[in-house]
Amino acid sequence: MIIVTGAAGFIGSNLVSKLNSEGFKDIVVVDDFSHPEKNKNLEGKIFSHKIHRDDFIDWLEENQRFVQFVFHMGARSATTGFPKEIYDVLNLNYSKAVWEKCVKYGLPLVYASSAATYGLGEFGYKDNHEIVEKLKPLNLYGESKNDFDKWALAQEKKPYFWAGLKFFNVYGPNEYHKGRMASVVLHAFNQIKKTEKMNLFKSHNPDFTDGGQTRDFVYVKDLSDIMFFLMNHRKDSGLYNIGTGKGRTFLDLTKNTFKGMDITENIGFIDTPVDIRDKYQYFTEANMSKLRSIGYDKPFTDLEDGVLDYVKNYLIGNKYN
């Protein structure tokens, strides 16, 4: 029996799809299941139990002997709009409860951290444990993820195998429900479909051209492959970056969205809102040497291939993975 919390969400539902494709059907999906659009992410997938997140800790206490692995993907993922207390409850304290049950019952655990923990990247983007205490996330979401990473590293008792995954800029199917928190690919697709044009933020940094702002965009299917690898690897515990190791520009992303839609490029630029300019990241790029060093050797999906697959096989037709 494999646990996936946040199973109706973007990353969680893709992981369930991956597990099904590998022959795993005894899966416990955990979420709040109150969002009709999110629930569509689970349609057609095979699982054995559906547990509300509020009941999960008690359920695990009673059923731990049947569990082989725990993927904790559930979190409040919005970066703004909620008080700190919400992030403390859902991202910090809930994760502590999951961790403690995994310690108590000897269960391996993979949980979702975030590249949002790196803030403006003052200390670089290398997933070594020594910099975690120094990091300065730019929002409450990033703070909550870093707070848990710090707490996990400080624990004397840890699961026999655990991994905290610092996801970079993830895009791909099953993110329709995310609204303004969805990837730029989905926003570009919707804007292009409506207006046949896409506006990007101008650069207010002389070191970057308009549209030259850079992110490490990683396809959600790569995340599922990595998590499946870790489920079978079960050693070398720690924090891991999950990106491609190759930053790409928003202009690259947008051009490939137009290409996938077979629409002529029409890209404009608008001022970055003043209230976010001082916290705007111009460059992120994951150092992926640590994951590679433990034996993960599968190539990451190129931006061109990932965007093309996402647009043609999912967004056009409103399909799910």
C-alpha atoms as a PDB file:
ATOM      1  CA  MET A   1       0.000   0.000   0.000  1.00  0.00           C
ATOM      2  CA  ILE A   2       1.393   3.377  -1.070  1.00  0.00           C
ATOM      3  CA  ILE A   3       0.223   6.677   0.421  1.00  0.00           C
ATOM      4  CA  VAL A   4      -0.038   9.828  -1.697  1.00  0.00           C
ATOM      5  CA  THR A   5      -1.169  12.956   0.161  1.00  0.00           C
ATOM      6  CA  GLY A   6      -2.292  15.889  -1.952  1.00  0.00           C
ATOM      7  CA  ALA A   7      -3.356  13.204  -4.437  1.00  0.00           C
ATOM      8  CA  ALA A   8      -6.006  15.333  -6.142  1.00  0.00           C
ATOM      9  CA  GLY A   9      -3.491  18.130  -6.705  1.00  0.00           C
ATOM     10  CA  PHE A  10      -1.158  18.858  -9.591  1.00  0.00           C
ATOM     11  CA  ILE A  11       1.934  16.872  -8.611  1.00  0.00           C
ATOM     12  CA  GLY A  12       0.118  14.244  -6.543  1.00  0.00           C
ATOM     13  CA  SER A  13      -2.280  13.226  -9.305  1.00  0.00           C
ATOM     14  CA  ASN A  14       0.553  12.880 -11.823  1.00  0.00           C
ATOM     15  CA  LEU A  15       2.351  10.655  -9.322  1.00  0.00           C
ATOM     16  CA  VAL A  16      -0.741   8.450  -8.966  1.00  0.00           C
ATOM     17  CA  SER A  17      -0.849   8.164 -12.771  1.00  0.00           C
ATOM     18  CA  LYS A  18       2.826   7.136 -12.805  1.00  0.00           C
ATOM     19  CA  LEU A  19       2.280   4.520 -10.095  1.00  0.00           C
ATOM     20  CA  ASN A  20      -0.697   3.097 -11.992  1.00  0.00           C
ATOM     21  CA  SER A  21       1.392   2.898 -15.172  1.00  0.00           C
ATOM     22  CA  GLU A  22       4.012   0.906 -13.251  1.00  0.00           C
ATOM     23  CA  GLY A  23       1.383  -1.560 -12.038  1.00  0.00           C
ATOM     24  CA  PHE A  24       0.669  -0.147  -8.573  1.00  0.00           C
ATOM     25  CA  LYS A  25      -3.028  -0.053  -7.745  1.00  0.00           C
ATOM     26  CA  ASP A  26      -3.107  -0.384  -3.942  1.00  0.00           C
ATOM     27  CA  ILE A  27      -2.775   3.360  -3.445  1.00  0.00           C
ATOM     28  CA  VAL A  28      -4.278   5.456  -0.657  1.00  0.00           C
ATOM     29  CA  VAL A  29      -5.185   8.914  -1.965  1.00  0.00           C
ATOM     30  CA  VAL A  30      -5.344  11.647   0.670  1.00  0.00           C
ATOM     31  CA  ASP A  31      -6.731  15.161   0.136  1.00  0.00           C
ATOM     32  CA  ASP A  32      -9.690  17.314   1.189  1.00  0.00           C
ATOM     33  CA  PHE A  33     -11.636  16.437  -2.007  1.00  0.00           C
ATOM     34  CA  SER A  34     -13.809  19.552  -1.698  1.00  0.00           C
ATOM     35  CA  HIS A  35     -12.624  21.145  -4.957  1.00  0.00           C
ATOM     36  CA  PRO A  36     -14.623  19.739  -7.925  1.00  0.00           C
ATOM     37  CA  GLU A  37     -12.007  20.874 -10.462  1.00  0.00           C
ATOM     38  CA  LYS A  38      -9.191  19.173  -8.514  1.00  0.00           C
ATOM     39  CA  ASN A  39     -11.172  15.950  -8.234  1.00  0.00           C
ATOM     40  CA  LYS A  40     -11.154  15.654 -12.031  1.00  0.00           C
ATOM     41  CA  ASN A  41      -7.417  14.954 -11.692  1.00  0.00           C
ATOM     42  CA  LEU A  42      -8.242  11.566 -10.145  1.00  0.00           C
ATOM     43  CA  GLU A  43     -10.869  10.463 -12.664  1.00  0.00           C
ATOM     44  CA  GLY A  44      -9.888   7.202 -14.333  1.00  0.00           C
ATOM     45  CA  LYS A  45      -7.113   6.465 -11.855  1.00  0.00           C
ATOM     46  CA  ILE A  46      -6.971   3.294  -9.800  1.00  0.00           C
ATOM     47  CA  PHE A  47      -6.650   3.454  -6.016  1.00  0.00           C
ATOM     48  CA  SER A  48      -7.848   1.399  -3.072  1.00  0.00           C
ATOM     49  CA  HIS A  49      -8.724   4.007  -0.422  1.00  0.00           C
ATOM     50  CA  LYS A  50      -9.758   7.650  -0.408  1.00  0.00           C
ATOM     51  CA  ILE A  51      -9.055   9.388   2.915  1.00  0.00           C
ATOM     52  CA  HIS A  52      -9.823  12.978   3.886  1.00  0.00           C
ATOM     53  CA  ARG A  53      -6.685  14.777   5.001  1.00  0.00           C
ATOM     54  CA  ASP A  54      -8.261  15.558   8.405  1.00  0.00           C
ATOM     55  CA  ASP A  55      -8.724  11.821   9.035  1.00  0.00           C
ATOM     56  CA  PHE A  56      -5.418  10.643   7.626  1.00  0.00           C
ATOM     57  CA  ILE A  57      -3.178  10.739  10.710  1.00  0.00           C
ATOM     58  CA  ASP A  58      -5.665   8.640  12.691  1.00  0.00           C
ATOM     59  CA  TRP A  59      -6.134   6.332   9.703  1.00  0.00           C
ATOM     60  CA  LEU A  60      -2.382   5.841   9.444  1.00  0.00           C
ATOM     61  CA  GLU A  61      -2.172   5.028  13.133  1.00  0.00           C
ATOM     62  CA  GLU A  62      -4.683   2.228  12.615  1.00  0.00           C
ATOM     63  CA  ASN A  63      -3.443   0.938   9.249  1.00  0.00           C
ATOM     64  CA  GLN A  64       0.321   1.496   9.321  1.00  0.00           C
ATOM     65  CA  ARG A  65       1.078  -2.222   9.110  1.00  0.00           C
ATOM     66  CA  PHE A  66      -0.231  -2.296   5.533  1.00  0.00           C
ATOM     67  CA  VAL A  67       1.777   0.727   4.324  1.00  0.00           C
ATOM     68  CA  GLN A  68       5.032   0.380   2.356  1.00  0.00           C
ATOM     69  CA  PHE A  69       5.755   3.980   1.360  1.00  0.00           C
ATOM     70  CA  VAL A  70       4.536   7.529   2.014  1.00  0.00           C
ATOM     71  CA  PHE A  71       4.597  10.376  -0.528  1.00  0.00           C
ATOM     72  CA  HIS A  72       3.582  13.577   1.239  1.00  0.00           C
ATOM     73  CA  MET A  73       2.703  16.031  -1.536  1.00  0.00           C
ATOM     74  CA  GLY A  74      -0.172  17.765   0.261  1.00  0.00           C
ATOM     75  CA  ALA A  75       0.373  21.445   1.122  1.00  0.00           C
ATOM     76  CA  ARG A  76      -1.053  24.934   0.916  1.00  0.00           C
ATOM     77  CA  SER A  77       0.761  25.830  -2.283  1.00  0.00           C
ATOM     78  CA  ALA A  78      -0.513  29.387  -2.859  1.00  0.00           C
ATOM     79  CA  THR A  79       2.335  31.813  -2.215  1.00  0.00           C
ATOM     80  CA  THR A  80       0.063  34.639  -1.046  1.00  0.00           C
ATOM     81  CA  GLY A  81      -3.443  35.274   0.186  1.00  0.00           C
ATOM     82  CA  PHE A  82      -3.455  33.278   3.418  1.00  0.00           C
ATOM     83  CA  PRO A  83      -2.352  34.125   6.970  1.00  0.00           C
ATOM     84  CA  LYS A  84       0.772  32.554   8.432  1.00  0.00           C
ATOM     85  CA  GLU A  85      -1.376  30.364  10.674  1.00  0.00           C
ATOM     86  CA  ILE A  86      -2.743  28.478   7.657  1.00  0.00           C
ATOM     87  CA  TYR A  87       0.763  27.675   6.405  1.00  0.00           C
ATOM     88  CA  ASP A  88       1.814  26.647   9.907  1.00  0.00           C
ATOM     89  CA  VAL A  89      -1.127  24.252  10.214  1.00  0.00           C
ATOM     90  CA  LEU A  90      -1.050  22.677   6.747  1.00  0.00           C
ATOM     91  CA  ASN A  91       2.595  22.894   5.666  1.00  0.00           C
ATOM     92  CA  LEU A  92       4.536  22.754   8.923  1.00  0.00           C
ATOM     93  CA  ASN A  93       2.577  21.050  11.689  1.00  0.00           C
ATOM     94  CA  TYR A  94       0.761  18.550   9.453  1.00  0.00           C
ATOM     95  CA  SER A  95       4.081  17.567   7.883  1.00  0.00           C
ATOM     96  CA  LYS A  96       5.568  17.096  11.354  1.00  0.00           C
ATOM     97  CA  ALA A  97       2.724  14.728  12.221  1.00  0.00           C
ATOM     98  CA  VAL A  98       3.297  12.699   9.041  1.00  0.00           C
ATOM     99  CA  TRP A  99       7.053  12.569   9.726  1.00  0.00           C
ATOM    100  CA  GLU A 100       6.542  11.420  13.317  1.00  0.00           C
ATOM    101  CA  LYS A 101       4.241   8.576  12.244  1.00  0.00           C
ATOM    102  CA  CYS A 102       6.804   7.482   9.653  1.00  0.00           C
ATOM    103  CA  VAL A 103       9.484   7.454  12.342  1.00  0.00           C
ATOM    104  CA  LYS A 104       7.245   5.556  14.773  1.00  0.00           C
ATOM    105  CA  TYR A 105       6.302   2.858  12.279  1.00  0.00           C
ATOM    106  CA  GLY A 106       9.477   2.629  10.189  1.00  0.00           C
ATOM    107  CA  LEU A 107       7.952   4.014   7.006  1.00  0.00           C
ATOM    108  CA  PRO A 108      10.016   5.618   4.215  1.00  0.00           C
ATOM    109  CA  LEU A 109       8.953   9.178   3.375  1.00  0.00           C
ATOM    110  CA  VAL A 110       9.315  11.488   0.387  1.00  0.00           C
ATOM    111  CA  TYR A 111       7.873  14.961   0.913  1.00  0.00           C
ATOM    112  CA  ALA A 112       7.459  18.118  -1.139  1.00  0.00           C
ATOM    113  CA  SER A 113       9.744  20.984  -0.265  1.00  0.00           C
ATOM    114  CA  SER A 114      10.232  23.832  -2.759  1.00  0.00           C
ATOM    115  CA  ALA A 115      12.805  25.965  -4.543  1.00  0.00           C
ATOM    116  CA  ALA A 116      10.865  28.868  -3.004  1.00  0.00           C
ATOM    117  CA  THR A 117      13.050  28.183   0.043  1.00  0.00           C
ATOM    118  CA  TYR A 118      16.014  29.724  -1.829  1.00  0.00           C
ATOM    119  CA  GLY A 119      14.526  33.227  -1.900  1.00  0.00           C
ATOM    120  CA  LEU A 120      16.511  35.485  -4.197  1.00  0.00           C
ATOM    121  CA  GLY A 121      19.255  32.882  -4.448  1.00  0.00           C
ATOM    122  CA  GLU A 122      21.734  34.813  -2.305  1.00  0.00           C
ATOM    123  CA  PHE A 123      23.337  31.522  -1.268  1.00  0.00           C
ATOM    124  CA  GLY A 124      23.025  29.835  -4.646  1.00  0.00           C
ATOM    125  CA  TYR A 125      20.827  26.912  -5.645  1.00  0.00           C
ATOM    126  CA  LYS A 126      22.774  23.961  -4.309  1.00  0.00           C
ATOM    127  CA  ASP A 127      20.859  21.478  -2.146  1.00  0.00           C
ATOM    128  CA  ASN A 128      23.412  21.137   0.626  1.00  0.00           C
ATOM    129  CA  HIS A 129      22.123  21.049   4.173  1.00  0.00           C
ATOM    130  CA  GLU A 130      24.588  23.634   5.476  1.00  0.00           C
ATOM    131  CA  ILE A 131      22.778  26.612   3.908  1.00  0.00           C
ATOM    132  CA  VAL A 132      19.233  25.734   5.007  1.00  0.00           C
ATOM    133  CA  GLU A 133      19.423  27.791   8.210  1.00  0.00           C
ATOM    134  CA  LYS A 134      20.650  30.832   6.240  1.00  0.00           C
ATOM    135  CA  LEU A 135      17.984  30.847   3.529  1.00  0.00           C
ATOM    136  CA  LYS A 136      15.600  33.800   3.224  1.00  0.00           C
ATOM    137  CA  PRO A 137      12.380  32.801   1.431  1.00  0.00           C
ATOM    138  CA  LEU A 138      10.362  35.648  -0.100  1.00  0.00           C
ATOM    139  CA  ASN A 139       6.876  34.551   0.996  1.00  0.00           C
ATOM    140  CA  LEU A 140       5.020  32.619   3.681  1.00  0.00           C
ATOM    141  CA  TYR A 141       4.780  29.517   1.514  1.00  0.00           C
ATOM    142  CA  GLY A 142       8.557  29.409   1.069  1.00  0.00           C
ATOM    143  CA  GLU A 143       9.055  30.112   4.769  1.00  0.00           C
ATOM    144  CA  SER A 144       6.778  27.236   5.760  1.00  0.00           C
ATOM    145  CA  LYS A 145       8.655  24.823   3.497  1.00  0.00           C
ATOM    146  CA  ASN A 146      12.037  25.963   4.791  1.00  0.00           C
ATOM    147  CA  ASP A 147      10.807  25.816   8.385  1.00  0.00           C
ATOM    148  CA  PHE A 148       9.940  22.169   7.887  1.00  0.00           C
ATOM    149  CA  ASP A 149      13.249  21.409   6.165  1.00  0.00           C
ATOM    150  CA  LYS A 150      15.074  22.961   9.129  1.00  0.00           C
ATOM    151  CA  TRP A 151      12.945  21.015  11.586  1.00  0.00           C
ATOM    152  CA  ALA A 152      13.485  17.733   9.718  1.00  0.00           C
ATOM    153  CA  LEU A 153      17.254  18.153   9.611  1.00  0.00           C
ATOM    154  CA  ALA A 154      17.321  18.905  13.333  1.00  0.00           C
ATOM    155  CA  GLN A 155      15.460  15.753  14.344  1.00  0.00           C
ATOM    156  CA  GLU A 156      17.395  13.113  16.213  1.00  0.00           C
ATOM    157  CA  LYS A 157      14.939  10.451  15.033  1.00  0.00           C
ATOM    158  CA  LYS A 158      14.325  10.289  11.301  1.00  0.00           C
ATOM    159  CA  PRO A 159      12.591   7.809   8.974  1.00  0.00           C
ATOM    160  CA  TYR A 160      15.091   5.146   7.848  1.00  0.00           C
ATOM    161  CA  PHE A 161      14.782   6.743   4.410  1.00  0.00           C
ATOM    162  CA  TRP A 162      13.498  10.241   3.740  1.00  0.00           C
ATOM    163  CA  ALA A 163      13.847  12.825   1.004  1.00  0.00           C
ATOM    164  CA  GLY A 164      12.660  16.427   0.853  1.00  0.00           C
ATOM    165  CA  LEU A 165      12.259  17.515  -2.771  1.00  0.00           C
ATOM    166  CA  LYS A 166      12.902  21.142  -3.677  1.00  0.00           C
ATOM    167  CA  PHE A 167      10.706  21.459  -6.747  1.00  0.00           C
ATOM    168  CA  PHE A 168      11.662  24.272  -9.120  1.00  0.00           C
ATOM    169  CA  ASN A 169       9.205  25.745 -11.690  1.00  0.00           C
ATOM    170  CA  VAL A 170       6.954  22.810 -12.475  1.00  0.00           C
ATOM    171  CA  TYR A 171       4.603  22.770 -15.465  1.00  0.00           C
ATOM    172  CA  GLY A 172       2.438  20.122 -17.075  1.00  0.00           C
ATOM    173  CA  PRO A 173      -0.980  18.437 -17.077  1.00  0.00           C
ATOM    174  CA  ASN A 174      -3.492  18.464 -14.218  1.00  0.00           C
ATOM    175  CA  GLU A 175      -2.962  22.078 -13.126  1.00  0.00           C
ATOM    176  CA  TYR A 176      -6.254  23.487 -14.443  1.00  0.00           C
ATOM    177  CA  HIS A 177      -7.500  24.069 -10.884  1.00  0.00           C
ATOM    178  CA  LYS A 178      -4.537  26.194  -9.790  1.00  0.00           C
ATOM    179  CA  GLY A 179      -5.815  29.552 -11.078  1.00  0.00           C
ATOM    180  CA  ARG A 180      -3.214  32.304 -10.854  1.00  0.00           C
ATOM    181  CA  MET A 181      -0.739  29.822  -9.292  1.00  0.00           C
ATOM    182  CA  ALA A 182      -0.675  27.709 -12.475  1.00  0.00           C
ATOM    183  CA  SER A 183       2.434  27.602 -14.643  1.00  0.00           C
ATOM    184  CA  VAL A 184       3.232  30.266 -17.214  1.00  0.00           C
ATOM    185  CA  VAL A 185       2.559  27.686 -19.940  1.00  0.00           C
ATOM    186  CA  LEU A 186      -1.089  27.388 -18.919  1.00  0.00           C
ATOM    187  CA  HIS A 187      -1.465  31.170 -18.568  1.00  0.00           C
ATOM    188  CA  ALA A 188       0.186  31.679 -21.961  1.00  0.00           C
ATOM    189  CA  PHE A 189      -2.033  29.052 -23.571  1.00  0.00           C
ATOM    190  CA  ASN A 190      -5.185  30.680 -22.213  1.00  0.00           C
ATOM    191  CA  GLN A 191      -4.118  34.208 -23.185  1.00  0.00           C
ATOM    192  CA  ILE A 192      -2.986  33.171 -26.674  1.00  0.00           C
ATOM    193  CA  LYS A 193      -6.181  31.191 -27.222  1.00  0.00           C
ATOM    194  CA  LYS A 194      -8.228  34.256 -26.295  1.00  0.00           C
ATOM    195  CA  THR A 195      -6.207  37.073 -27.893  1.00  0.00           C
ATOM    196  CA  GLU A 196      -3.546  35.401 -30.107  1.00  0.00           C
ATOM    197  CA  LYS A 197      -1.018  37.422 -28.091  1.00  0.00           C
ATOM    198  CA  MET A 198       1.005  36.972 -24.895  1.00  0.00           C
ATOM    199  CA  ASN A 199       2.317  39.737 -22.628  1.00  0.00           C
ATOM    200  CA  LEU A 200       5.405  39.117 -20.511  1.00  0.00           C
ATOM    201  CA  PHE A 201       6.935  41.302 -17.811  1.00  0.00           C
ATOM    202  CA  LYS A 202       9.563  43.786 -18.911  1.00  0.00           C
ATOM    203  CA  SER A 203      12.957  43.479 -17.308  1.00  0.00           C
ATOM    204  CA  HIS A 204      13.779  46.124 -14.706  1.00  0.00           C
ATOM    205  CA  ASN A 205      17.260  44.699 -14.289  1.00  0.00           C
ATOM    206  CA  PRO A 206      19.933  45.896 -16.763  1.00  0.00           C
ATOM    207  CA  ASP A 207      21.539  42.451 -16.757  1.00  0.00           C
ATOM    208  CA  PHE A 208      18.458  40.867 -18.342  1.00  0.00           C
ATOM    209  CA  THR A 209      16.582  41.660 -21.547  1.00  0.00           C
ATOM    210  CA  ASP A 210      12.764  41.833 -21.659  1.00  0.00           C
ATOM    211  CA  GLY A 211      11.583  38.237 -21.483  1.00  0.00           C
ATOM    212  CA  GLY A 212      15.104  37.128 -20.607  1.00  0.00           C
ATOM    213  CA  GLN A 213      14.186  36.428 -16.999  1.00  0.00           C
ATOM    214  CA  THR A 214      15.243  32.842 -16.377  1.00  0.00           C
ATOM    215  CA  ARG A 215      13.755  29.916 -14.484  1.00  0.00           C
ATOM    216  CA  ASP A 216      14.499  26.227 -14.199  1.00  0.00           C
ATOM    217  CA  PHE A 217      11.297  24.899 -15.794  1.00  0.00           C
ATOM    218  CA  VAL A 218      10.774  21.197 -15.071  1.00  0.00           C
ATOM    219  CA  TYR A 219       8.108  18.940 -16.588  1.00  0.00           C
ATOM    220  CA  VAL A 220       5.834  17.312 -14.025  1.00  0.00           C
ATOM    221  CA  LYS A 221       6.348  13.870 -15.589  1.00  0.00           C
ATOM    222  CA  ASP A 222      10.043  14.127 -14.698  1.00  0.00           C
ATOM    223  CA  LEU A 223       9.038  14.653 -11.057  1.00  0.00           C
ATOM    224  CA  SER A 224       7.025  11.429 -11.119  1.00  0.00           C
ATOM    225  CA  ASP A 225       9.970   9.527 -12.610  1.00  0.00           C
ATOM    226  CA  ILE A 226      12.292  10.841  -9.895  1.00  0.00           C
ATOM    227  CA  MET A 227       9.879   9.973  -7.092  1.00  0.00           C
ATOM    228  CA  PHE A 228       9.434   6.474  -8.502  1.00  0.00           C
ATOM    229  CA  PHE A 229      13.224   6.098  -8.566  1.00  0.00           C
ATOM    230  CA  LEU A 230      13.465   7.188  -4.922  1.00  0.00           C
ATOM    231  CA  MET A 231      10.715   4.756  -3.899  1.00  0.00           C
ATOM    232  CA  ASN A 232      12.898   1.942  -5.184  1.00  0.00           C
ATOM    233  CA  HIS A 233      16.254   3.457  -4.132  1.00  0.00           C
ATOM    234  CA  ARG A 234      15.454   4.018  -0.416  1.00  0.00           C
ATOM    235  CA  LYS A 235      18.885   5.233   0.668  1.00  0.00           C
ATOM    236  CA  ASP A 236      20.906   8.458   0.651  1.00  0.00           C
ATOM    237  CA  SER A 237      18.379  10.460   2.669  1.00  0.00           C
ATOM    238  CA  GLY A 238      18.330  14.241   2.490  1.00  0.00           C
ATOM    239  CA  LEU A 239      17.145  17.309   0.611  1.00  0.00           C
ATOM    240  CA  TYR A 240      17.248  17.197  -3.184  1.00  0.00           C
ATOM    241  CA  ASN A 241      16.788  19.795  -5.889  1.00  0.00           C
ATOM    242  CA  ILE A 242      14.273  18.782  -8.522  1.00  0.00           C
ATOM    243  CA  GLY A 243      14.792  20.834 -11.661  1.00  0.00           C
ATOM    244  CA  THR A 244      16.587  20.240 -14.934  1.00  0.00           C
ATOM    245  CA  GLY A 245      19.828  22.019 -14.100  1.00  0.00           C
ATOM    246  CA  LYS A 246      19.313  24.288 -17.086  1.00  0.00           C
ATOM    247  CA  GLY A 247      17.627  27.679 -16.730  1.00  0.00           C
ATOM    248  CA  ARG A 248      15.481  28.850 -19.651  1.00  0.00           C
ATOM    249  CA  THR A 249      13.867  32.198 -20.369  1.00  0.00           C
ATOM    250  CA  PHE A 250      10.203  33.126 -20.241  1.00  0.00           C
ATOM    251  CA  LEU A 251      10.618  34.090 -23.885  1.00  0.00           C
ATOM    252  CA  ASP A 252      11.697  30.506 -24.699  1.00  0.00           C
ATOM    253  CA  LEU A 253       8.682  29.168 -22.825  1.00  0.00           C
ATOM    254  CA  THR A 254       6.251  31.489 -24.587  1.00  0.00           C
ATOM    255  CA  LYS A 255       7.686  30.931 -28.069  1.00  0.00           C
ATOM    256  CA  ASN A 256       7.295  27.184 -27.616  1.00  0.00           C
ATOM    257  CA  THR A 257       3.710  27.603 -26.441  1.00  0.00           C
ATOM    258  CA  PHE A 258       2.886  29.522 -29.637  1.00  0.00           C
ATOM    259  CA  LYS A 259       4.642  26.794 -31.633  1.00  0.00           C
ATOM    260  CA  GLY A 260       2.672  24.034 -29.924  1.00  0.00           C
ATOM    261  CA  MET A 261      -0.568  25.870 -30.713  1.00  0.00           C
ATOM    262  CA  ASP A 262       0.461  26.479 -34.352  1.00  0.00           C
ATOM    263  CA  ILE A 263      -0.125  30.212 -33.920  1.00  0.00           C
ATOM    264  CA  THR A 264       2.221  32.954 -35.140  1.00  0.00           C
ATOM    265  CA  GLU A 265       4.249  34.541 -32.335  1.00  0.00           C
ATOM    266  CA  ASN A 266       2.884  37.821 -31.000  1.00  0.00           C
ATOM    267  CA  ILE A 267       4.676  38.705 -27.760  1.00  0.00           C
ATOM    268  CA  GLY A 268       4.400  42.020 -25.923  1.00  0.00           C
ATOM    269  CA  PHE A 269       5.897  43.362 -22.720  1.00  0.00           C
ATOM    270  CA  ILE A 270       4.290  45.108 -19.758  1.00  0.00           C
ATOM    271  CA  ASP A 271       5.796  46.688 -16.641  1.00  0.00           C
ATOM    272  CA  THR A 272       6.371  44.372 -13.707  1.00  0.00           C
ATOM    273  CA  PRO A 273       4.034  45.563 -10.913  1.00  0.00           C
ATOM    274  CA  VAL A 274       5.873  47.905  -8.566  1.00  0.00           C
ATOM    275  CA  ASP A 275       4.807  45.979  -5.459  1.00  0.00           C
ATOM    276  CA  ILE A 276       6.681  42.831  -6.525  1.00  0.00           C
ATOM    277  CA  ARG A 277       9.718  44.304  -8.277  1.00  0.00           C
ATOM    278  CA  ASP A 278      11.992  44.219  -5.244  1.00  0.00           C
ATOM    279  CA  LYS A 279      11.246  40.516  -4.701  1.00  0.00           C
ATOM    280  CA  TYR A 280      11.249  39.454  -8.326  1.00  0.00           C
ATOM    281  CA  GLN A 281      13.590  36.586  -9.196  1.00  0.00           C
ATOM    282  CA  TYR A 282      15.517  37.108 -12.422  1.00  0.00           C
ATOM    283  CA  PHE A 283      17.372  33.813 -12.391  1.00  0.00           C
ATOM    284  CA  THR A 284      16.930  30.323 -10.919  1.00  0.00           C
ATOM    285  CA  GLU A 285      18.759  27.165 -11.900  1.00  0.00           C
ATOM    286  CA  ALA A 286      18.899  23.957  -9.898  1.00  0.00           C
ATOM    287  CA  ASN A 287      22.238  22.334  -9.178  1.00  0.00           C
ATOM    288  CA  MET A 288      21.347  18.706  -9.943  1.00  0.00           C
ATOM    289  CA  SER A 289      24.659  17.050  -9.067  1.00  0.00           C
ATOM    290  CA  LYS A 290      23.368  15.582  -5.808  1.00  0.00           C
ATOM    291  CA  LEU A 291      20.516  13.608  -7.384  1.00  0.00           C
ATOM    292  CA  ARG A 292      22.806  12.451 -10.173  1.00  0.00           C
ATOM    293  CA  SER A 293      25.391  11.342  -7.607  1.00  0.00           C
ATOM    294  CA  ILE A 294      23.018   8.748  -6.104  1.00  0.00           C
ATOM    295  CA  GLY A 295      22.389   7.087  -9.461  1.00  0.00           C
ATOM    296  CA  TYR A 296      19.492   8.909 -11.117  1.00  0.00           C
ATOM    297  CA  ASP A 297      20.600   8.997 -14.740  1.00  0.00           C
ATOM    298  CA  LYS A 298      17.418   9.519 -16.756  1.00  0.00           C
ATOM    299  CA  PRO A 299      17.565  12.617 -19.009  1.00  0.00           C
ATOM    300  CA  PHE A 300      15.304  15.532 -18.129  1.00  0.00           C
ATOM    301  CA  THR A 301      12.677  16.580 -20.643  1.00  0.00           C
ATOM    302  CA  ASP A 302      13.844  19.484 -22.808  1.00  0.00           C
ATOM    303  CA  LEU A 303      11.648  22.567 -22.572  1.00  0.00           C
ATOM    304  CA  GLU A 304      10.748  22.264 -26.262  1.00  0.00           C
ATOM    305  CA  ASP A 305       9.586  18.648 -25.894  1.00  0.00           C
ATOM    306  CA  GLY A 306       7.793  19.219 -22.594  1.00  0.00           C
ATOM    307  CA  VAL A 307       5.823  22.252 -23.731  1.00  0.00           C
ATOM    308  CA  LEU A 308       4.918  20.549 -27.012  1.00  0.00           C
ATOM    309  CA  ASP A 309       3.652  17.443 -25.199  1.00  0.00           C
ATOM    310  CA  TYR A 310       1.720  19.517 -22.671  1.00  0.00           C
ATOM    311  CA  VAL A 311       0.088  21.796 -25.239  1.00  0.00           C
ATOM    312  CA  LYS A 312      -0.751  19.249 -27.936  1.00  0.00           C
ATOM    313  CA  ASN A 313      -1.670  16.253 -25.792  1.00  0.00           C
ATOM    314  CA  TYR A 314      -3.346  17.952 -22.822  1.00  0.00           C
ATOM    315  CA  LEU A 315      -4.198  21.650 -23.120  1.00  0.00           C
ATOM    316  CA  ILE A 316      -5.672  21.311 -26.594  1.00  0.00           C
ATOM    317  CA  GLY A 317      -8.654  19.163 -25.726  1.00  0.00           C
ATOM    318  CA  ASN A 318      -8.592  19.934 -21.984  1.00  0.00           C
ATOM    319  CA  LYS A 319      -7.240  16.466 -21.156  1.00  0.00           C
ATOM    320  CA  TYR A 320      -5.725  15.025 -17.980  1.00  0.00           C
ATOM    321  CA  ASN A 321      -2.774  12.754 -17.250  1.00  0.00           C
END
